[in-house]
Amino acid sequence: MTSWNLEDDKLAILAKGARSRVQAKSGAALRDETGRTYASAEVSVGSLDVSAVEMVVAQAVASGSTGVESVVISQTVESGIADSDLDLVRAFSGAGVTLYVIDEAGKPVDSRST
């Protein structure tokens, strides 16, 4: 697993909070190139299904961000990192960004890099 740092602990808290606030199956938090953070849960309304990673990337883009340092995903059932989420972060920020999945204690259990 790549290097988890203290700033990722903050993302873990934000991702878990976003998920639990609306009782979603997943939540994600992102730190951009300037250190700003974004957090969101997945959204499913009618025919609209947006992953938590898609939501936080959209928030970052809408706020003027131009890159990603790290993404942390909190899931009620560990299902890993979706290829589509990894591809989205790679398209937005290029190579070298790590996406982590955390357990209920907030510790990383899986990671993939763009």
C-alpha atoms as a PDB file:
ATOM      1  CA  MET A   1       0.000   0.000   0.000  1.00  0.00           C
ATOM      2  CA  THR A   2       1.288   3.466  -0.813  1.00  0.00           C
ATOM      3  CA  SER A   3       2.083   6.044   1.850  1.00  0.00           C
ATOM      4  CA  TRP A   4      -0.854   7.041   4.041  1.00  0.00           C
ATOM      5  CA  ASN A   5      -0.204  10.309   5.901  1.00  0.00           C
ATOM      6  CA  LEU A   6      -1.765  12.427   8.640  1.00  0.00           C
ATOM      7  CA  GLU A   7      -3.718  14.503   6.113  1.00  0.00           C
ATOM      8  CA  ASP A   8      -5.347  11.289   4.908  1.00  0.00           C
ATOM      9  CA  ASP A   9      -6.632  10.716   8.461  1.00  0.00           C
ATOM     10  CA  LYS A  10      -8.623  13.938   8.038  1.00  0.00           C
ATOM     11  CA  LEU A  11     -10.007  12.681   4.720  1.00  0.00           C
ATOM     12  CA  ALA A  12     -11.037   9.419   6.414  1.00  0.00           C
ATOM     13  CA  ILE A  13     -13.090  11.344   8.987  1.00  0.00           C
ATOM     14  CA  LEU A  14     -14.703  13.444   6.255  1.00  0.00           C
ATOM     15  CA  ALA A  15     -15.519  10.422   4.065  1.00  0.00           C
ATOM     16  CA  LYS A  16     -17.067   8.499   6.969  1.00  0.00           C
ATOM     17  CA  GLY A  17     -19.062  11.557   8.000  1.00  0.00           C
ATOM     18  CA  ALA A  18     -20.390  12.153   4.495  1.00  0.00           C
ATOM     19  CA  ARG A  19     -21.453   8.509   4.218  1.00  0.00           C
ATOM     20  CA  SER A  20     -23.075   8.244   7.624  1.00  0.00           C
ATOM     21  CA  ARG A  21     -24.828  11.614   7.473  1.00  0.00           C
ATOM     22  CA  VAL A  22     -27.229  10.299   4.812  1.00  0.00           C
ATOM     23  CA  GLN A  23     -26.879   6.552   5.539  1.00  0.00           C
ATOM     24  CA  ALA A  24     -25.289   5.994   2.114  1.00  0.00           C
ATOM     25  CA  LYS A  25     -23.347   2.885   1.107  1.00  0.00           C
ATOM     26  CA  SER A  26     -20.268   4.967   0.301  1.00  0.00           C
ATOM     27  CA  GLY A  27     -18.746   8.338   0.978  1.00  0.00           C
ATOM     28  CA  ALA A  28     -15.561   9.910  -0.322  1.00  0.00           C
ATOM     29  CA  ALA A  29     -13.281  12.787   0.544  1.00  0.00           C
ATOM     30  CA  LEU A  30     -10.716  14.449  -1.695  1.00  0.00           C
ATOM     31  CA  ARG A  31      -7.782  16.772  -1.046  1.00  0.00           C
ATOM     32  CA  ASP A  32      -6.894  18.975  -3.999  1.00  0.00           C
ATOM     33  CA  GLU A  33      -3.552  20.411  -5.082  1.00  0.00           C
ATOM     34  CA  THR A  34      -3.934  23.408  -2.759  1.00  0.00           C
ATOM     35  CA  GLY A  35      -4.955  21.379   0.302  1.00  0.00           C
ATOM     36  CA  ARG A  36      -8.678  22.151   0.091  1.00  0.00           C
ATOM     37  CA  THR A  37     -10.939  19.234   0.996  1.00  0.00           C
ATOM     38  CA  TYR A  38     -14.264  18.069  -0.368  1.00  0.00           C
ATOM     39  CA  ALA A  39     -16.556  15.303   0.910  1.00  0.00           C
ATOM     40  CA  SER A  40     -19.714  13.708  -0.399  1.00  0.00           C
ATOM     41  CA  ALA A  41     -21.796  10.556  -0.343  1.00  0.00           C
ATOM     42  CA  GLU A  42     -23.006   8.653  -3.346  1.00  0.00           C
ATOM     43  CA  VAL A  43     -26.279   9.908  -4.868  1.00  0.00           C
ATOM     44  CA  SER A  44     -29.077   7.750  -6.218  1.00  0.00           C
ATOM     45  CA  VAL A  45     -32.282   9.526  -7.238  1.00  0.00           C
ATOM     46  CA  GLY A  46     -34.535   8.001  -9.866  1.00  0.00           C
ATOM     47  CA  SER A  47     -32.354   7.191 -12.858  1.00  0.00           C
ATOM     48  CA  LEU A  48     -29.427   9.269 -11.530  1.00  0.00           C
ATOM     49  CA  ASP A  49     -26.636   7.250  -9.923  1.00  0.00           C
ATOM     50  CA  VAL A  50     -23.446   9.136  -9.064  1.00  0.00           C
ATOM     51  CA  SER A  51     -20.621   7.569  -7.060  1.00  0.00           C
ATOM     52  CA  ALA A  52     -19.155   9.356  -4.062  1.00  0.00           C
ATOM     53  CA  VAL A  53     -15.867   9.782  -5.961  1.00  0.00           C
ATOM     54  CA  GLU A  54     -17.697  11.303  -8.932  1.00  0.00           C
ATOM     55  CA  MET A  55     -19.404  13.714  -6.532  1.00  0.00           C
ATOM     56  CA  VAL A  56     -16.184  14.902  -4.847  1.00  0.00           C
ATOM     57  CA  VAL A  57     -14.377  15.292  -8.160  1.00  0.00           C
ATOM     58  CA  ALA A  58     -17.312  17.348  -9.473  1.00  0.00           C
ATOM     59  CA  GLN A  59     -17.203  19.531  -6.348  1.00  0.00           C
ATOM     60  CA  ALA A  60     -13.473  20.085  -6.750  1.00  0.00           C
ATOM     61  CA  VAL A  61     -13.807  20.967 -10.436  1.00  0.00           C
ATOM     62  CA  ALA A  62     -16.723  23.320  -9.724  1.00  0.00           C
ATOM     63  CA  SER A  63     -14.579  25.055  -7.102  1.00  0.00           C
ATOM     64  CA  GLY A  64     -11.734  25.698  -9.527  1.00  0.00           C
ATOM     65  CA  SER A  65      -9.430  22.887  -8.492  1.00  0.00           C
ATOM     66  CA  THR A  66      -6.942  21.690 -11.079  1.00  0.00           C
ATOM     67  CA  GLY A  67      -5.585  18.566  -9.397  1.00  0.00           C
ATOM     68  CA  VAL A  68      -5.946  15.898  -6.725  1.00  0.00           C
ATOM     69  CA  GLU A  69      -3.484  14.821  -4.040  1.00  0.00           C
ATOM     70  CA  SER A  70      -5.498  12.023  -2.424  1.00  0.00           C
ATOM     71  CA  VAL A  71      -8.948  10.406  -2.288  1.00  0.00           C
ATOM     72  CA  VAL A  72     -10.336   8.345   0.603  1.00  0.00           C
ATOM     73  CA  ILE A  73     -13.430   6.163   0.218  1.00  0.00           C
ATOM     74  CA  SER A  74     -15.555   4.864   3.095  1.00  0.00           C
ATOM     75  CA  GLN A  75     -17.895   1.953   2.309  1.00  0.00           C
ATOM     76  CA  THR A  76     -20.432   0.074   4.428  1.00  0.00           C
ATOM     77  CA  VAL A  77     -19.450  -3.100   2.574  1.00  0.00           C
ATOM     78  CA  GLU A  78     -15.929  -3.134   1.209  1.00  0.00           C
ATOM     79  CA  SER A  79     -16.301  -3.393  -2.545  1.00  0.00           C
ATOM     80  CA  GLY A  80     -12.957  -1.968  -3.564  1.00  0.00           C
ATOM     81  CA  ILE A  81     -12.187   0.906  -5.889  1.00  0.00           C
ATOM     82  CA  ALA A  82     -14.259   1.050  -9.052  1.00  0.00           C
ATOM     83  CA  ASP A  83     -12.313   1.238 -12.298  1.00  0.00           C
ATOM     84  CA  SER A  84     -14.568   4.111 -13.373  1.00  0.00           C
ATOM     85  CA  ASP A  85     -13.632   6.121 -10.260  1.00  0.00           C
ATOM     86  CA  LEU A  86      -9.931   5.457 -10.816  1.00  0.00           C
ATOM     87  CA  ASP A  87     -10.277   6.475 -14.477  1.00  0.00           C
ATOM     88  CA  LEU A  88     -12.092   9.694 -13.517  1.00  0.00           C
ATOM     89  CA  VAL A  89      -9.389  10.760 -11.058  1.00  0.00           C
ATOM     90  CA  ARG A  90      -6.707   9.893 -13.633  1.00  0.00           C
ATOM     91  CA  ALA A  91      -8.500  11.960 -16.318  1.00  0.00           C
ATOM     92  CA  PHE A  92      -8.788  14.929 -13.965  1.00  0.00           C
ATOM     93  CA  SER A  93      -5.408  14.822 -12.279  1.00  0.00           C
ATOM     94  CA  GLY A  94      -3.101  12.478 -14.169  1.00  0.00           C
ATOM     95  CA  ALA A  95      -0.845   9.765 -12.808  1.00  0.00           C
ATOM     96  CA  GLY A  96       0.366   9.372  -9.247  1.00  0.00           C
ATOM     97  CA  VAL A  97      -2.837   9.981  -7.260  1.00  0.00           C
ATOM     98  CA  THR A  98      -3.722   7.325  -4.678  1.00  0.00           C
ATOM     99  CA  LEU A  99      -7.281   6.313  -3.891  1.00  0.00           C
ATOM    100  CA  TYR A 100      -7.756   4.501  -0.566  1.00  0.00           C
ATOM    101  CA  VAL A 101     -10.599   2.422   0.862  1.00  0.00           C
ATOM    102  CA  ILE A 102     -10.873   2.567   4.647  1.00  0.00           C
ATOM    103  CA  ASP A 103     -12.434   0.265   7.222  1.00  0.00           C
ATOM    104  CA  GLU A 104     -14.855   1.357   9.932  1.00  0.00           C
ATOM    105  CA  ALA A 105     -11.922   2.356  12.156  1.00  0.00           C
ATOM    106  CA  GLY A 106     -10.702   4.732   9.439  1.00  0.00           C
ATOM    107  CA  LYS A 107      -7.624   2.683   8.546  1.00  0.00           C
ATOM    108  CA  PRO A 108      -6.703   1.960   4.920  1.00  0.00           C
ATOM    109  CA  VAL A 109      -7.489  -1.572   3.732  1.00  0.00           C
ATOM    110  CA  ASP A 110      -7.024  -1.123  -0.017  1.00  0.00           C
ATOM    111  CA  SER A 111      -5.437   1.370  -2.373  1.00  0.00           C
ATOM    112  CA  ARG A 112      -4.893   1.935  -6.073  1.00  0.00           C
ATOM    113  CA  SER A 113      -2.952   4.638  -7.842  1.00  0.00           C
ATOM    114  CA  THR A 114      -3.731   6.397 -11.086  1.00  0.00           C
END
